[in-house]
Amino acid sequence: MGKDDFRNIPNGAPGLENRFGLLWTYGVEEGKITRQQFVDLVSTTPAKNNGLGDCKGHIGVEKKYEEIQQKAKLA
C-alpha cells in the first residue's frame, strides 16, 4: 500500500519520524518549499491545531533557549 503513490501510505506513528527528514531533503533542500514553510508544516500549524499556538511551534521574542536551539539544528 502506497508503493506507487505516497498519498496512499497509511498515517500513524510508524514511519512518521522519517517523514520530517524526507520532507526536509526533498522539499527544502530541493527548493520546493522554504525553511519557513517546513517549520509551519511540522511545528507551527500542529501547535495551533492543538491549542498551543501561543506558546509552542514558533521562534519569537521571549522563547526558551532550548526551543530555539532544537529548531536551529534543522537549519
Protein backbone atom coordinates (compact mmCIF):
# COMPACT_ATOMS: atom_id res chain seq x y z
CA MET A 1 0.00 0.00 0.00
CA GLY A 2 1.47 3.34 -1.02
CA LYS A 3 4.28 1.85 -3.09
CA ASP A 4 3.30 3.75 -6.23
CA ASP A 5 1.59 6.72 -4.60
CA PHE A 6 2.88 8.33 -1.40
CA ARG A 7 -0.58 9.65 -0.59
CA ASN A 8 -1.82 6.08 -0.06
CA ILE A 9 0.62 5.31 2.76
CA PRO A 10 -1.39 4.80 5.94
CA ASN A 11 -1.00 7.55 8.52
CA GLY A 12 0.01 6.82 12.06
CA ALA A 13 3.05 6.72 14.29
CA PRO A 14 5.12 4.10 12.43
CA GLY A 15 7.15 5.96 9.83
CA LEU A 16 6.13 9.43 11.00
CA GLU A 17 9.62 10.16 12.32
CA ASN A 18 11.01 9.53 8.83
CA ARG A 19 8.62 11.88 7.05
CA PHE A 20 10.17 15.04 8.50
CA GLY A 21 13.58 14.04 7.18
CA LEU A 22 12.15 13.23 3.79
CA LEU A 23 10.24 16.50 3.70
CA TRP A 24 13.44 18.39 4.55
CA THR A 25 15.54 16.52 1.96
CA TYR A 26 13.11 16.51 -0.93
CA GLY A 27 11.23 19.69 -0.03
CA VAL A 28 13.63 22.25 1.43
CA GLU A 29 16.94 21.07 0.00
CA GLU A 30 15.48 20.75 -3.49
CA GLY A 31 13.91 24.20 -3.28
CA LYS A 32 10.28 23.07 -3.43
CA ILE A 33 9.41 24.64 -0.07
CA THR A 34 11.19 27.19 2.12
CA ARG A 35 12.57 26.63 5.61
CA GLN A 36 9.73 28.73 6.96
CA GLN A 37 7.16 26.57 5.17
CA PHE A 38 8.81 23.48 6.68
CA VAL A 39 8.54 24.93 10.20
CA ASP A 40 4.93 25.89 9.52
CA LEU A 41 4.09 22.36 8.34
CA VAL A 42 5.79 20.38 11.09
CA SER A 43 5.57 22.71 14.06
CA THR A 44 3.55 25.93 13.90
CA THR A 45 0.36 24.56 12.33
CA PRO A 46 0.17 21.42 14.52
CA ALA A 47 0.72 23.59 17.62
CA LYS A 48 -2.11 25.91 16.57
CA ASN A 49 -4.41 22.99 15.75
CA ASN A 50 -3.87 21.62 19.26
CA GLY A 51 -4.44 24.90 21.04
CA LEU A 52 -0.74 25.56 21.73
CA GLY A 53 -0.20 28.31 19.16
CA ASP A 54 0.58 30.97 21.74
CA CYS A 55 3.35 29.05 23.49
CA LYS A 56 4.77 26.39 21.13
CA GLY A 57 5.62 25.87 17.49
CA HIS A 58 7.41 29.07 16.53
CA ILE A 59 10.54 31.09 17.17
CA GLY A 60 9.90 34.53 18.58
CA VAL A 61 10.69 37.05 21.27
CA GLU A 62 10.92 35.57 24.78
CA LYS A 63 11.10 31.96 23.57
CA LYS A 64 13.00 29.45 25.64
CA TYR A 65 16.59 28.82 24.59
CA GLU A 66 16.03 25.05 24.36
CA GLU A 67 13.24 25.51 21.82
CA ILE A 68 15.36 27.82 19.68
CA GLN A 69 18.37 25.52 19.92
CA GLN A 70 16.37 22.47 18.83
CA LYS A 71 14.92 24.28 15.82
CA ALA A 72 18.33 25.68 14.86
CA LYS A 73 19.64 22.13 14.40
CA LEU A 74 17.23 21.76 11.47
CA ALA A 75 18.71 24.75 9.65
